[in-house]
């Protein structure tokens, strides 16, 4: 096993006993460069997490257009990147330099929303046992059948609930990423299951055509802050993502179809430029003010005050 860090650290992996965990299932997103496989949402948001956000939304400014206001207190996130590559991978594959560029892309995207990411460590491990993330519906949520991968998560997930961890690998063909939501019921003993798992080919300069500018990690981190997809429920009359200033949207976006309006009877057009849609990376531009308030609210009231 070959390990490269920008901060000195040693990682040793050992098989762990199987365990079961009962907590929310994050939302995966499908690999968007694949042939037409529907490109739909692979899983809905966990009901109890969605319900908790709905209750909080009714109490904060994000659910009232009249109450929208800019967040002024900046958030600074200690960030840890981890890449697991095949043993025979070239040195340029999912490199530390690519991870640094990913951080730059995230900071560019989130800076207008008073959020900054500070890279505390970026590690790159060459180990065939953990270089492939095969999504089975629960992997990365309730642990993994691959015990070496579980050990990797447990030994690299340091810090607290307000610290961001992103793991990069080769992922199953229909998946680009999956990330956990803020959950006030999650115990500290399960912190190793908090974070984002992302296809490393989506890193800036990666191999995924149309998705290699870092947009996937930006999108997944939006879930980590508590944002749902802008097409949540895929129903023009449903509550959707519970953010007041994202127009109703019933269609998952593919590409960058300017002017797309899947809910013509509702105000506004589809949020194809929003990071929480499924657009091409070149199409991504923004989070809304309501999404900004939602991220700040959930971070201050859940992630910042837990373990």
C-alpha atoms as a PDB file:
ATOM      1  CA  UNK A   1       0.000   0.000   0.000  1.00  0.00           C
ATOM      2  CA  UNK A   2       1.481   3.319  -1.103  1.00  0.00           C
ATOM      3  CA  UNK A   3       0.438   6.466   0.757  1.00  0.00           C
ATOM      4  CA  UNK A   4       1.082  10.080  -0.175  1.00  0.00           C
ATOM      5  CA  UNK A   5       0.022  12.907   2.141  1.00  0.00           C
ATOM      6  CA  UNK A   6       0.517  16.632   2.239  1.00  0.00           C
ATOM      7  CA  UNK A   7       0.608  16.165   6.010  1.00  0.00           C
ATOM      8  CA  UNK A   8       2.602  13.326   7.523  1.00  0.00           C
ATOM      9  CA  UNK A   9       0.363  10.446   8.545  1.00  0.00           C
ATOM     10  CA  UNK A  10       0.402   6.667   8.408  1.00  0.00           C
ATOM     11  CA  UNK A  11      -2.642   4.564   7.625  1.00  0.00           C
ATOM     12  CA  UNK A  12      -2.826   0.840   8.332  1.00  0.00           C
ATOM     13  CA  UNK A  13      -5.852  -1.130   7.273  1.00  0.00           C
ATOM     14  CA  UNK A  14      -7.246  -4.187   9.029  1.00  0.00           C
ATOM     15  CA  UNK A  15     -10.509  -6.084   8.519  1.00  0.00           C
ATOM     16  CA  UNK A  16     -13.311  -5.174  10.924  1.00  0.00           C
ATOM     17  CA  UNK A  17     -16.294  -7.125  12.131  1.00  0.00           C
ATOM     18  CA  UNK A  18     -19.573  -6.560  10.357  1.00  0.00           C
ATOM     19  CA  UNK A  19     -21.958  -4.092  11.965  1.00  0.00           C
ATOM     20  CA  UNK A  20     -25.397  -2.631  11.318  1.00  0.00           C
ATOM     21  CA  UNK A  21     -26.275   1.050  11.578  1.00  0.00           C
ATOM     22  CA  UNK A  22     -29.718   2.598  11.426  1.00  0.00           C
ATOM     23  CA  UNK A  23     -29.618   6.188  10.260  1.00  0.00           C
ATOM     24  CA  UNK A  24     -30.539   8.241   7.176  1.00  0.00           C
ATOM     25  CA  UNK A  25     -29.692   7.205   3.656  1.00  0.00           C
ATOM     26  CA  UNK A  26     -27.977  10.042   1.760  1.00  0.00           C
ATOM     27  CA  UNK A  27     -28.849  10.871  -1.851  1.00  0.00           C
ATOM     28  CA  UNK A  28     -26.675   9.357  -4.541  1.00  0.00           C
ATOM     29  CA  UNK A  29     -26.433  11.028  -7.940  1.00  0.00           C
ATOM     30  CA  UNK A  30     -26.078   9.002 -11.083  1.00  0.00           C
ATOM     31  CA  UNK A  31     -23.012   9.130 -13.310  1.00  0.00           C
ATOM     32  CA  UNK A  32     -23.980  11.862 -15.683  1.00  0.00           C
ATOM     33  CA  UNK A  33     -21.599  11.024 -18.534  1.00  0.00           C
ATOM     34  CA  UNK A  34     -23.125   7.582 -19.078  1.00  0.00           C
ATOM     35  CA  UNK A  35     -25.417   6.656 -21.978  1.00  0.00           C
ATOM     36  CA  UNK A  36     -29.064   7.469 -21.370  1.00  0.00           C
ATOM     37  CA  UNK A  37     -29.845   5.582 -18.166  1.00  0.00           C
ATOM     38  CA  UNK A  38     -32.645   7.911 -17.137  1.00  0.00           C
ATOM     39  CA  UNK A  39     -30.359  10.211 -15.177  1.00  0.00           C
ATOM     40  CA  UNK A  40     -33.008  10.259 -12.475  1.00  0.00           C
ATOM     41  CA  UNK A  41     -32.509  10.564  -8.757  1.00  0.00           C
ATOM     42  CA  UNK A  42     -31.203   7.212  -7.542  1.00  0.00           C
ATOM     43  CA  UNK A  43     -32.768   7.667  -4.086  1.00  0.00           C
ATOM     44  CA  UNK A  44     -35.064  10.113  -2.373  1.00  0.00           C
ATOM     45  CA  UNK A  45     -33.978  12.100   0.654  1.00  0.00           C
ATOM     46  CA  UNK A  46     -34.437  10.227   3.954  1.00  0.00           C
ATOM     47  CA  UNK A  47     -37.925  11.034   5.195  1.00  0.00           C
ATOM     48  CA  UNK A  48     -37.005  11.927   8.771  1.00  0.00           C
ATOM     49  CA  UNK A  49     -34.177  14.202   7.605  1.00  0.00           C
ATOM     50  CA  UNK A  50     -36.503  15.875   5.104  1.00  0.00           C
ATOM     51  CA  UNK A  51     -39.144  16.299   7.814  1.00  0.00           C
ATOM     52  CA  UNK A  52     -36.592  17.797  10.203  1.00  0.00           C
ATOM     53  CA  UNK A  53     -35.477  20.288   7.566  1.00  0.00           C
ATOM     54  CA  UNK A  54     -39.105  21.151   6.877  1.00  0.00           C
ATOM     55  CA  UNK A  55     -39.668  21.948  10.546  1.00  0.00           C
ATOM     56  CA  UNK A  56     -36.558  24.114  10.662  1.00  0.00           C
ATOM     57  CA  UNK A  57     -37.549  25.797   7.407  1.00  0.00           C
ATOM     58  CA  UNK A  58     -40.814  26.912   8.941  1.00  0.00           C
ATOM     59  CA  UNK A  59     -38.819  28.671  11.652  1.00  0.00           C
ATOM     60  CA  UNK A  60     -36.101  30.338   9.600  1.00  0.00           C
ATOM     61  CA  UNK A  61     -36.039  32.965   6.906  1.00  0.00           C
ATOM     62  CA  UNK A  62     -35.471  30.580   4.020  1.00  0.00           C
ATOM     63  CA  UNK A  63     -39.092  29.462   3.781  1.00  0.00           C
ATOM     64  CA  UNK A  64     -40.511  32.970   3.471  1.00  0.00           C
ATOM     65  CA  UNK A  65     -39.726  35.079   0.419  1.00  0.00           C
ATOM     66  CA  UNK A  66     -40.312  38.201   2.467  1.00  0.00           C
ATOM     67  CA  UNK A  67     -37.850  37.011   5.083  1.00  0.00           C
ATOM     68  CA  UNK A  68     -34.900  36.256   2.837  1.00  0.00           C
ATOM     69  CA  UNK A  69     -31.756  37.939   4.095  1.00  0.00           C
ATOM     70  CA  UNK A  70     -28.040  37.622   3.469  1.00  0.00           C
ATOM     71  CA  UNK A  71     -25.958  35.630   5.935  1.00  0.00           C
ATOM     72  CA  UNK A  72     -23.133  37.790   7.229  1.00  0.00           C
ATOM     73  CA  UNK A  73     -21.243  35.502   9.617  1.00  0.00           C
ATOM     74  CA  UNK A  74     -18.720  33.513   7.547  1.00  0.00           C
ATOM     75  CA  UNK A  75     -18.348  29.761   7.891  1.00  0.00           C
ATOM     76  CA  UNK A  76     -14.883  28.211   7.662  1.00  0.00           C
ATOM     77  CA  UNK A  77     -14.734  24.455   7.113  1.00  0.00           C
ATOM     78  CA  UNK A  78     -11.709  22.298   7.924  1.00  0.00           C
ATOM     79  CA  UNK A  79     -11.540  19.986   4.926  1.00  0.00           C
ATOM     80  CA  UNK A  80      -9.901  16.597   4.396  1.00  0.00           C
ATOM     81  CA  UNK A  81      -9.537  14.935   0.991  1.00  0.00           C
ATOM     82  CA  UNK A  82      -8.732  11.248   0.548  1.00  0.00           C
ATOM     83  CA  UNK A  83      -8.025   9.521  -2.780  1.00  0.00           C
ATOM     84  CA  UNK A  84      -7.806   5.734  -3.109  1.00  0.00           C
ATOM     85  CA  UNK A  85      -6.384   4.572  -6.436  1.00  0.00           C
ATOM     86  CA  UNK A  86      -5.357   1.218  -7.960  1.00  0.00           C
ATOM     87  CA  UNK A  87      -1.804   0.153  -7.220  1.00  0.00           C
ATOM     88  CA  UNK A  88      -0.817   0.495 -10.880  1.00  0.00           C
ATOM     89  CA  UNK A  89      -2.312   3.995 -11.298  1.00  0.00           C
ATOM     90  CA  UNK A  90      -0.109   6.728 -12.728  1.00  0.00           C
ATOM     91  CA  UNK A  91       1.069   9.465 -10.384  1.00  0.00           C
ATOM     92  CA  UNK A  92      -1.178  11.985 -12.149  1.00  0.00           C
ATOM     93  CA  UNK A  93      -4.360   9.978 -11.506  1.00  0.00           C
ATOM     94  CA  UNK A  94      -6.430  11.557  -8.697  1.00  0.00           C
ATOM     95  CA  UNK A  95      -3.329  13.472  -7.697  1.00  0.00           C
ATOM     96  CA  UNK A  96      -2.901  15.747  -4.703  1.00  0.00           C
ATOM     97  CA  UNK A  97      -2.622  18.615  -7.192  1.00  0.00           C
ATOM     98  CA  UNK A  98      -6.059  17.731  -8.579  1.00  0.00           C
ATOM     99  CA  UNK A  99      -7.445  17.729  -5.055  1.00  0.00           C
ATOM    100  CA  UNK A 100      -5.971  21.192  -4.482  1.00  0.00           C
ATOM    101  CA  UNK A 101      -7.725  22.350  -7.644  1.00  0.00           C
ATOM    102  CA  UNK A 102     -10.927  20.775  -6.343  1.00  0.00           C
ATOM    103  CA  UNK A 103     -10.621  22.872  -3.209  1.00  0.00           C
ATOM    104  CA  UNK A 104     -10.167  25.978  -5.366  1.00  0.00           C
ATOM    105  CA  UNK A 105     -13.315  25.090  -7.323  1.00  0.00           C
ATOM    106  CA  UNK A 106     -15.291  24.640  -4.112  1.00  0.00           C
ATOM    107  CA  UNK A 107     -14.081  27.929  -2.686  1.00  0.00           C
ATOM    108  CA  UNK A 108     -14.977  29.742  -5.901  1.00  0.00           C
ATOM    109  CA  UNK A 109     -18.476  28.235  -5.839  1.00  0.00           C
ATOM    110  CA  UNK A 110     -19.197  28.854  -2.152  1.00  0.00           C
ATOM    111  CA  UNK A 111     -17.418  32.196  -1.637  1.00  0.00           C
ATOM    112  CA  UNK A 112     -20.498  34.276  -2.605  1.00  0.00           C
ATOM    113  CA  UNK A 113     -22.326  32.453   0.195  1.00  0.00           C
ATOM    114  CA  UNK A 114     -19.767  33.293   2.902  1.00  0.00           C
ATOM    115  CA  UNK A 115     -18.405  29.747   3.105  1.00  0.00           C
ATOM    116  CA  UNK A 116     -14.708  28.917   2.893  1.00  0.00           C
ATOM    117  CA  UNK A 117     -12.959  25.538   2.849  1.00  0.00           C
ATOM    118  CA  UNK A 118      -9.501  25.178   4.388  1.00  0.00           C
ATOM    119  CA  UNK A 119      -7.552  22.096   3.319  1.00  0.00           C
ATOM    120  CA  UNK A 120      -6.121  20.412   6.397  1.00  0.00           C
ATOM    121  CA  UNK A 121      -4.875  17.292   4.623  1.00  0.00           C
ATOM    122  CA  UNK A 122      -5.001  15.548   1.263  1.00  0.00           C
ATOM    123  CA  UNK A 123      -3.949  11.910   1.123  1.00  0.00           C
ATOM    124  CA  UNK A 124      -3.543   9.584  -1.828  1.00  0.00           C
ATOM    125  CA  UNK A 125      -3.378   5.829  -1.236  1.00  0.00           C
ATOM    126  CA  UNK A 126      -2.516   3.199  -3.845  1.00  0.00           C
ATOM    127  CA  UNK A 127      -4.331   0.092  -2.640  1.00  0.00           C
ATOM    128  CA  UNK A 128      -6.446  -2.199  -4.798  1.00  0.00           C
ATOM    129  CA  UNK A 129      -8.545  -3.228  -1.788  1.00  0.00           C
ATOM    130  CA  UNK A 130     -10.101   0.199  -1.370  1.00  0.00           C
ATOM    131  CA  UNK A 131      -9.801   1.887  -4.772  1.00  0.00           C
ATOM    132  CA  UNK A 132     -13.250   0.884  -6.037  1.00  0.00           C
ATOM    133  CA  UNK A 133     -16.513   2.169  -4.534  1.00  0.00           C
ATOM    134  CA  UNK A 134     -19.404  -0.017  -5.659  1.00  0.00           C
ATOM    135  CA  UNK A 135     -22.722   1.463  -4.581  1.00  0.00           C
ATOM    136  CA  UNK A 136     -25.204  -1.151  -3.379  1.00  0.00           C
ATOM    137  CA  UNK A 137     -27.918   1.133  -2.026  1.00  0.00           C
ATOM    138  CA  UNK A 138     -26.384   1.481   1.425  1.00  0.00           C
ATOM    139  CA  UNK A 139     -22.618   1.524   0.955  1.00  0.00           C
ATOM    140  CA  UNK A 140     -21.118   4.573   2.603  1.00  0.00           C
ATOM    141  CA  UNK A 141     -24.236   4.829   4.752  1.00  0.00           C
ATOM    142  CA  UNK A 142     -24.488   1.659   6.785  1.00  0.00           C
ATOM    143  CA  UNK A 143     -20.916   0.592   6.215  1.00  0.00           C
ATOM    144  CA  UNK A 144     -19.584  -1.625   3.458  1.00  0.00           C
ATOM    145  CA  UNK A 145     -19.242  -5.284   2.667  1.00  0.00           C
ATOM    146  CA  UNK A 146     -15.610  -4.395   2.013  1.00  0.00           C
ATOM    147  CA  UNK A 147     -14.119  -4.339   5.512  1.00  0.00           C
ATOM    148  CA  UNK A 148     -10.843  -2.842   4.305  1.00  0.00           C
ATOM    149  CA  UNK A 149     -12.881   0.100   3.015  1.00  0.00           C
ATOM    150  CA  UNK A 150     -14.648   0.440   6.367  1.00  0.00           C
ATOM    151  CA  UNK A 151     -11.275   0.471   8.112  1.00  0.00           C
ATOM    152  CA  UNK A 152     -10.081   3.165   5.703  1.00  0.00           C
ATOM    153  CA  UNK A 153     -13.059   5.372   6.548  1.00  0.00           C
ATOM    154  CA  UNK A 154     -12.665   4.845  10.276  1.00  0.00           C
ATOM    155  CA  UNK A 155      -8.965   5.660  10.273  1.00  0.00           C
ATOM    156  CA  UNK A 156      -9.217   8.722   8.044  1.00  0.00           C
ATOM    157  CA  UNK A 157     -12.433  10.299   9.392  1.00  0.00           C
ATOM    158  CA  UNK A 158     -10.845  12.526  12.036  1.00  0.00           C
ATOM    159  CA  UNK A 159     -12.155  15.716  13.612  1.00  0.00           C
ATOM    160  CA  UNK A 160     -15.720  16.657  14.471  1.00  0.00           C
ATOM    161  CA  UNK A 161     -19.142  16.811  12.816  1.00  0.00           C
ATOM    162  CA  UNK A 162     -18.371  20.259  11.416  1.00  0.00           C
ATOM    163  CA  UNK A 163     -15.291  18.980   9.547  1.00  0.00           C
ATOM    164  CA  UNK A 164     -15.745  17.932   5.931  1.00  0.00           C
ATOM    165  CA  UNK A 165     -14.294  14.697   4.559  1.00  0.00           C
ATOM    166  CA  UNK A 166     -14.423  13.774   0.880  1.00  0.00           C
ATOM    167  CA  UNK A 167     -13.209  10.394  -0.397  1.00  0.00           C
ATOM    168  CA  UNK A 168     -12.374   9.955  -4.090  1.00  0.00           C
ATOM    169  CA  UNK A 169     -12.288   6.590  -5.890  1.00  0.00           C
ATOM    170  CA  UNK A 170     -13.380   4.844  -9.055  1.00  0.00           C
ATOM    171  CA  UNK A 171     -17.110   4.434  -8.529  1.00  0.00           C
ATOM    172  CA  UNK A 172     -19.783   2.123  -9.848  1.00  0.00           C
ATOM    173  CA  UNK A 173     -20.777   3.144 -13.426  1.00  0.00           C
ATOM    174  CA  UNK A 174     -24.163   4.645 -12.539  1.00  0.00           C
ATOM    175  CA  UNK A 175     -22.833   6.750  -9.674  1.00  0.00           C
ATOM    176  CA  UNK A 176     -20.997  10.067  -9.498  1.00  0.00           C
ATOM    177  CA  UNK A 177     -21.295  10.716  -5.795  1.00  0.00           C
ATOM    178  CA  UNK A 178     -23.104  10.246  -2.511  1.00  0.00           C
ATOM    179  CA  UNK A 179     -22.988  12.328   0.651  1.00  0.00           C
ATOM    180  CA  UNK A 180     -24.508  12.343   4.125  1.00  0.00           C
ATOM    181  CA  UNK A 181     -26.932  14.984   5.354  1.00  0.00           C
ATOM    182  CA  UNK A 182     -26.696  16.838   8.676  1.00  0.00           C
ATOM    183  CA  UNK A 183     -28.590  14.714  11.184  1.00  0.00           C
ATOM    184  CA  UNK A 184     -29.017  15.772  14.805  1.00  0.00           C
ATOM    185  CA  UNK A 185     -29.622  12.136  15.810  1.00  0.00           C
ATOM    186  CA  UNK A 186     -26.257  10.834  14.628  1.00  0.00           C
ATOM    187  CA  UNK A 187     -23.985   9.686  17.502  1.00  0.00           C
ATOM    188  CA  UNK A 188     -20.269  10.380  17.576  1.00  0.00           C
ATOM    189  CA  UNK A 189     -19.570   6.652  17.299  1.00  0.00           C
ATOM    190  CA  UNK A 190     -20.852   6.832  13.713  1.00  0.00           C
ATOM    191  CA  UNK A 191     -18.821   9.831  12.604  1.00  0.00           C
ATOM    192  CA  UNK A 192     -16.807   7.639  10.228  1.00  0.00           C
ATOM    193  CA  UNK A 193     -19.947   7.366   8.092  1.00  0.00           C
ATOM    194  CA  UNK A 194     -20.276  11.141   7.731  1.00  0.00           C
ATOM    195  CA  UNK A 195     -18.881  12.687   4.590  1.00  0.00           C
ATOM    196  CA  UNK A 196     -18.941  12.524   0.806  1.00  0.00           C
ATOM    197  CA  UNK A 197     -17.882   9.762  -1.587  1.00  0.00           C
ATOM    198  CA  UNK A 198     -17.111  11.044  -5.085  1.00  0.00           C
ATOM    199  CA  UNK A 199     -15.922   9.635  -8.399  1.00  0.00           C
ATOM    200  CA  UNK A 200     -12.301  10.777  -8.600  1.00  0.00           C
ATOM    201  CA  UNK A 201     -12.606  11.096 -12.365  1.00  0.00           C
ATOM    202  CA  UNK A 202     -14.779  14.173 -11.717  1.00  0.00           C
ATOM    203  CA  UNK A 203     -11.846  16.038 -10.163  1.00  0.00           C
ATOM    204  CA  UNK A 204     -10.628  19.053 -12.192  1.00  0.00           C
ATOM    205  CA  UNK A 205      -8.808  17.646 -15.201  1.00  0.00           C
ATOM    206  CA  UNK A 206     -10.357  14.199 -14.704  1.00  0.00           C
ATOM    207  CA  UNK A 207     -11.589  11.746 -17.329  1.00  0.00           C
ATOM    208  CA  UNK A 208     -15.348  12.376 -17.127  1.00  0.00           C
ATOM    209  CA  UNK A 209     -16.352  14.405 -20.167  1.00  0.00           C
ATOM    210  CA  UNK A 210     -18.668  17.281 -19.161  1.00  0.00           C
ATOM    211  CA  UNK A 211     -18.091  16.533 -15.471  1.00  0.00           C
ATOM    212  CA  UNK A 212     -14.403  17.186 -14.849  1.00  0.00           C
ATOM    213  CA  UNK A 213     -14.343  20.732 -13.499  1.00  0.00           C
ATOM    214  CA  UNK A 214     -15.080  19.800  -9.889  1.00  0.00           C
ATOM    215  CA  UNK A 215     -18.839  20.305 -10.005  1.00  0.00           C
ATOM    216  CA  UNK A 216     -19.676  16.889  -8.575  1.00  0.00           C
ATOM    217  CA  UNK A 217     -17.936  17.520  -5.251  1.00  0.00           C
ATOM    218  CA  UNK A 218     -19.507  20.989  -5.100  1.00  0.00           C
ATOM    219  CA  UNK A 219     -22.935  19.381  -5.582  1.00  0.00           C
ATOM    220  CA  UNK A 220     -22.302  16.657  -3.006  1.00  0.00           C
ATOM    221  CA  UNK A 221     -21.063  19.116  -0.394  1.00  0.00           C
ATOM    222  CA  UNK A 222     -24.357  20.946  -0.874  1.00  0.00           C
ATOM    223  CA  UNK A 223     -26.049  17.801   0.469  1.00  0.00           C
ATOM    224  CA  UNK A 224     -23.547  17.743   3.362  1.00  0.00           C
ATOM    225  CA  UNK A 225     -24.812  21.224   4.259  1.00  0.00           C
ATOM    226  CA  UNK A 226     -28.416  20.002   4.057  1.00  0.00           C
ATOM    227  CA  UNK A 227     -29.548  21.024   0.575  1.00  0.00           C
ATOM    228  CA  UNK A 228     -31.844  18.808  -1.481  1.00  0.00           C
ATOM    229  CA  UNK A 229     -31.989  18.646  -5.258  1.00  0.00           C
ATOM    230  CA  UNK A 230     -33.814  21.547  -6.900  1.00  0.00           C
ATOM    231  CA  UNK A 231     -36.007  18.918  -8.583  1.00  0.00           C
ATOM    232  CA  UNK A 232     -36.834  17.231  -5.253  1.00  0.00           C
ATOM    233  CA  UNK A 233     -40.119  15.280  -5.580  1.00  0.00           C
ATOM    234  CA  UNK A 234     -40.134  15.985  -9.362  1.00  0.00           C
ATOM    235  CA  UNK A 235     -43.606  17.452  -8.920  1.00  0.00           C
ATOM    236  CA  UNK A 236     -44.627  21.033  -9.682  1.00  0.00           C
ATOM    237  CA  UNK A 237     -47.092  21.151  -6.778  1.00  0.00           C
ATOM    238  CA  UNK A 238     -44.943  19.447  -4.103  1.00  0.00           C
ATOM    239  CA  UNK A 239     -42.894  21.317  -1.456  1.00  0.00           C
ATOM    240  CA  UNK A 240     -39.742  20.341  -3.333  1.00  0.00           C
ATOM    241  CA  UNK A 241     -36.422  21.351  -1.811  1.00  0.00           C
ATOM    242  CA  UNK A 242     -38.087  23.551   0.850  1.00  0.00           C
ATOM    243  CA  UNK A 243     -36.206  26.639  -0.333  1.00  0.00           C
ATOM    244  CA  UNK A 244     -38.475  29.519  -1.331  1.00  0.00           C
ATOM    245  CA  UNK A 245     -36.373  31.090  -4.064  1.00  0.00           C
ATOM    246  CA  UNK A 246     -35.708  27.966  -6.151  1.00  0.00           C
ATOM    247  CA  UNK A 247     -38.538  27.687  -8.708  1.00  0.00           C
ATOM    248  CA  UNK A 248     -40.664  24.566  -8.840  1.00  0.00           C
ATOM    249  CA  UNK A 249     -38.999  21.967 -11.058  1.00  0.00           C
ATOM    250  CA  UNK A 250     -40.303  18.551 -12.078  1.00  0.00           C
ATOM    251  CA  UNK A 251     -37.510  17.513 -14.421  1.00  0.00           C
ATOM    252  CA  UNK A 252     -33.918  16.427 -13.851  1.00  0.00           C
ATOM    253  CA  UNK A 253     -31.621  18.532 -16.013  1.00  0.00           C
ATOM    254  CA  UNK A 254     -29.168  17.009 -18.463  1.00  0.00           C
ATOM    255  CA  UNK A 255     -26.682  19.207 -20.277  1.00  0.00           C
ATOM    256  CA  UNK A 256     -27.382  22.943 -20.146  1.00  0.00           C
ATOM    257  CA  UNK A 257     -30.819  23.559 -21.712  1.00  0.00           C
ATOM    258  CA  UNK A 258     -31.203  27.320 -21.287  1.00  0.00           C
ATOM    259  CA  UNK A 259     -34.817  28.314 -20.730  1.00  0.00           C
ATOM    260  CA  UNK A 260     -35.989  24.851 -19.684  1.00  0.00           C
ATOM    261  CA  UNK A 261     -39.275  25.250 -17.803  1.00  0.00           C
ATOM    262  CA  UNK A 262     -40.728  21.991 -16.505  1.00  0.00           C
ATOM    263  CA  UNK A 263     -43.363  23.807 -14.410  1.00  0.00           C
ATOM    264  CA  UNK A 264     -44.689  26.510 -16.771  1.00  0.00           C
ATOM    265  CA  UNK A 265     -47.644  27.340 -14.531  1.00  0.00           C
ATOM    266  CA  UNK A 266     -45.275  28.249 -11.666  1.00  0.00           C
ATOM    267  CA  UNK A 267     -43.052  31.353 -11.462  1.00  0.00           C
ATOM    268  CA  UNK A 268     -39.548  31.116 -12.883  1.00  0.00           C
ATOM    269  CA  UNK A 269     -37.746  28.617 -15.079  1.00  0.00           C
ATOM    270  CA  UNK A 270     -35.785  25.522 -14.091  1.00  0.00           C
ATOM    271  CA  UNK A 271     -32.633  26.097 -12.035  1.00  0.00           C
ATOM    272  CA  UNK A 272     -30.248  24.644 -14.606  1.00  0.00           C
ATOM    273  CA  UNK A 273     -27.397  26.843 -13.355  1.00  0.00           C
ATOM    274  CA  UNK A 274     -27.888  25.780  -9.749  1.00  0.00           C
ATOM    275  CA  UNK A 275     -25.303  23.470  -8.216  1.00  0.00           C
ATOM    276  CA  UNK A 276     -28.090  21.258  -6.865  1.00  0.00           C
ATOM    277  CA  UNK A 277     -29.332  20.271 -10.324  1.00  0.00           C
ATOM    278  CA  UNK A 278     -27.687  17.627 -12.576  1.00  0.00           C
ATOM    279  CA  UNK A 279     -26.386  19.981 -15.262  1.00  0.00           C
ATOM    280  CA  UNK A 280     -22.988  19.857 -16.953  1.00  0.00           C
ATOM    281  CA  UNK A 281     -20.175  21.350 -14.884  1.00  0.00           C
ATOM    282  CA  UNK A 282     -19.868  24.231 -17.372  1.00  0.00           C
ATOM    283  CA  UNK A 283     -23.522  25.078 -16.699  1.00  0.00           C
ATOM    284  CA  UNK A 284     -23.162  25.407 -12.926  1.00  0.00           C
ATOM    285  CA  UNK A 285     -23.086  28.973 -11.580  1.00  0.00           C
ATOM    286  CA  UNK A 286     -24.833  29.507  -8.275  1.00  0.00           C
ATOM    287  CA  UNK A 287     -26.597  28.770  -5.052  1.00  0.00           C
ATOM    288  CA  UNK A 288     -29.561  31.013  -4.275  1.00  0.00           C
ATOM    289  CA  UNK A 289     -29.859  33.303  -1.277  1.00  0.00           C
ATOM    290  CA  UNK A 290     -32.394  30.912   0.204  1.00  0.00           C
ATOM    291  CA  UNK A 291     -29.999  27.997  -0.188  1.00  0.00           C
ATOM    292  CA  UNK A 292     -27.284  30.085   1.444  1.00  0.00           C
ATOM    293  CA  UNK A 293     -29.513  30.734   4.430  1.00  0.00           C
ATOM    294  CA  UNK A 294     -30.421  27.041   4.621  1.00  0.00           C
ATOM    295  CA  UNK A 295     -26.759  25.987   4.635  1.00  0.00           C
ATOM    296  CA  UNK A 296     -25.858  28.492   7.341  1.00  0.00           C
ATOM    297  CA  UNK A 297     -28.896  27.593   9.427  1.00  0.00           C
ATOM    298  CA  UNK A 298     -28.278  23.830   9.397  1.00  0.00           C
ATOM    299  CA  UNK A 299     -24.554  24.225   9.934  1.00  0.00           C
ATOM    300  CA  UNK A 300     -25.021  26.519  12.951  1.00  0.00           C
ATOM    301  CA  UNK A 301     -27.851  24.484  14.467  1.00  0.00           C
ATOM    302  CA  UNK A 302     -26.607  20.949  13.791  1.00  0.00           C
ATOM    303  CA  UNK A 303     -23.061  20.473  12.565  1.00  0.00           C
ATOM    304  CA  UNK A 304     -21.390  23.211  14.594  1.00  0.00           C
ATOM    305  CA  UNK A 305     -22.893  22.239  17.954  1.00  0.00           C
ATOM    306  CA  UNK A 306     -22.644  18.446  17.830  1.00  0.00           C
ATOM    307  CA  UNK A 307     -19.655  16.314  18.806  1.00  0.00           C
END
